[in-house]
Amino acid sequence: MTLKQATEGTEYIIKAIETDDEELNAFLFTLGCYEGEPITVISRRKGGLTVSIKDGRYNIDPQLADAIII
């Protein structure tokens, strides 16, 4: 299941990041978004999702949400 399909308010563990873009992988790693880390969808917006990773909240677009496997 991808993050795009996640239920709001439920904590999930990231199983994989499926992208071939090394720069994107490095960016996600700096946010704390990598395998084994918990992630929670806070809300859904027209342009994407608001997620909680570690102590931060971030807005991500639908394409990125599809690359995060939970």
C-alpha atoms as a PDB file:
ATOM      1  CA  MET A   1       0.000   0.000   0.000  1.00  0.00           C
ATOM      2  CA  THR A   2       1.258   3.495  -0.749  1.00  0.00           C
ATOM      3  CA  LEU A   3       1.062   6.520   1.499  1.00  0.00           C
ATOM      4  CA  LYS A   4      -1.510   7.998  -0.875  1.00  0.00           C
ATOM      5  CA  GLN A   5      -3.941   5.257   0.216  1.00  0.00           C
ATOM      6  CA  ALA A   6      -3.288   5.691   3.957  1.00  0.00           C
ATOM      7  CA  THR A   7      -5.972   6.570   6.470  1.00  0.00           C
ATOM      8  CA  GLU A   8      -5.701   9.938   8.226  1.00  0.00           C
ATOM      9  CA  GLY A   9      -4.539   9.767  11.824  1.00  0.00           C
ATOM     10  CA  THR A  10      -3.102   6.240  11.621  1.00  0.00           C
ATOM     11  CA  GLU A  11       0.616   5.701  12.177  1.00  0.00           C
ATOM     12  CA  TYR A  12       2.344   3.507   9.584  1.00  0.00           C
ATOM     13  CA  ILE A  13       5.893   2.206   9.255  1.00  0.00           C
ATOM     14  CA  ILE A  14       7.674   3.012   5.990  1.00  0.00           C
ATOM     15  CA  LYS A  15       8.557  -0.245   4.221  1.00  0.00           C
ATOM     16  CA  ALA A  16      10.249   1.214   1.138  1.00  0.00           C
ATOM     17  CA  ILE A  17      10.800   4.289  -0.989  1.00  0.00           C
ATOM     18  CA  GLU A  18      10.285   3.432  -4.655  1.00  0.00           C
ATOM     19  CA  THR A  19      12.019   6.072  -6.731  1.00  0.00           C
ATOM     20  CA  ASP A  20      15.013   6.014  -9.062  1.00  0.00           C
ATOM     21  CA  ASP A  21      15.875   9.645  -8.273  1.00  0.00           C
ATOM     22  CA  GLU A  22      18.891   9.677  -5.918  1.00  0.00           C
ATOM     23  CA  GLU A  23      18.424  13.384  -5.205  1.00  0.00           C
ATOM     24  CA  LEU A  24      14.844  12.749  -4.073  1.00  0.00           C
ATOM     25  CA  ASN A  25      15.986   9.828  -1.906  1.00  0.00           C
ATOM     26  CA  ALA A  26      18.593  12.053  -0.251  1.00  0.00           C
ATOM     27  CA  PHE A  27      15.995  14.780   0.359  1.00  0.00           C
ATOM     28  CA  LEU A  28      13.556  12.340   1.954  1.00  0.00           C
ATOM     29  CA  PHE A  29      16.341  10.952   4.128  1.00  0.00           C
ATOM     30  CA  THR A  30      17.074  14.463   5.468  1.00  0.00           C
ATOM     31  CA  LEU A  31      13.402  14.730   6.470  1.00  0.00           C
ATOM     32  CA  GLY A  32      13.636  11.423   8.321  1.00  0.00           C
ATOM     33  CA  CYS A  33      11.571   9.601   5.714  1.00  0.00           C
ATOM     34  CA  TYR A  34      13.252   6.221   5.221  1.00  0.00           C
ATOM     35  CA  GLU A  35      12.590   2.516   5.771  1.00  0.00           C
ATOM     36  CA  GLY A  36      11.591   1.575   9.300  1.00  0.00           C
ATOM     37  CA  GLU A  37      10.469   5.059  10.370  1.00  0.00           C
ATOM     38  CA  PRO A  38       6.905   5.842  11.446  1.00  0.00           C
ATOM     39  CA  ILE A  39       4.831   8.244   9.351  1.00  0.00           C
ATOM     40  CA  THR A  40       1.307   9.579   9.891  1.00  0.00           C
ATOM     41  CA  VAL A  41      -1.035  11.283   7.421  1.00  0.00           C
ATOM     42  CA  ILE A  42      -2.356  14.347   9.266  1.00  0.00           C
ATOM     43  CA  SER A  43      -4.682  15.601   6.530  1.00  0.00           C
ATOM     44  CA  ARG A  44      -5.477  15.414   2.842  1.00  0.00           C
ATOM     45  CA  ARG A  45      -5.485  18.540   0.751  1.00  0.00           C
ATOM     46  CA  LYS A  46      -6.375  19.217  -2.856  1.00  0.00           C
ATOM     47  CA  GLY A  47      -2.689  19.351  -3.788  1.00  0.00           C
ATOM     48  CA  GLY A  48      -1.393  16.481  -1.657  1.00  0.00           C
ATOM     49  CA  LEU A  49      -0.969  15.279   1.896  1.00  0.00           C
ATOM     50  CA  THR A  50       0.231  16.739   5.168  1.00  0.00           C
ATOM     51  CA  VAL A  51       2.312  14.133   6.983  1.00  0.00           C
ATOM     52  CA  SER A  52       4.069  13.881  10.312  1.00  0.00           C
ATOM     53  CA  ILE A  53       7.581  12.432  10.272  1.00  0.00           C
ATOM     54  CA  LYS A  54       9.507  12.425  13.539  1.00  0.00           C
ATOM     55  CA  ASP A  55       8.925  15.900  15.049  1.00  0.00           C
ATOM     56  CA  GLY A  56       8.046  17.682  11.794  1.00  0.00           C
ATOM     57  CA  ARG A  57       5.039  18.178   9.558  1.00  0.00           C
ATOM     58  CA  TYR A  58       5.473  18.320   5.812  1.00  0.00           C
ATOM     59  CA  ASN A  59       3.281  18.786   2.752  1.00  0.00           C
ATOM     60  CA  ILE A  60       3.967  16.261   0.021  1.00  0.00           C
ATOM     61  CA  ASP A  61       2.503  15.959  -3.448  1.00  0.00           C
ATOM     62  CA  PRO A  62       0.535  12.918  -4.671  1.00  0.00           C
ATOM     63  CA  GLN A  63       3.422  11.621  -6.816  1.00  0.00           C
ATOM     64  CA  LEU A  64       5.739  11.518  -3.819  1.00  0.00           C
ATOM     65  CA  ALA A  65       3.019   9.880  -1.709  1.00  0.00           C
ATOM     66  CA  ASP A  66       2.822   7.125  -4.352  1.00  0.00           C
ATOM     67  CA  ALA A  67       6.562   6.469  -4.000  1.00  0.00           C
ATOM     68  CA  ILE A  68       6.347   5.853  -0.219  1.00  0.00           C
ATOM     69  CA  ILE A  69       5.345   2.260   0.495  1.00  0.00           C
ATOM     70  CA  ILE A  70       3.829   1.549   3.923  1.00  0.00           C
END
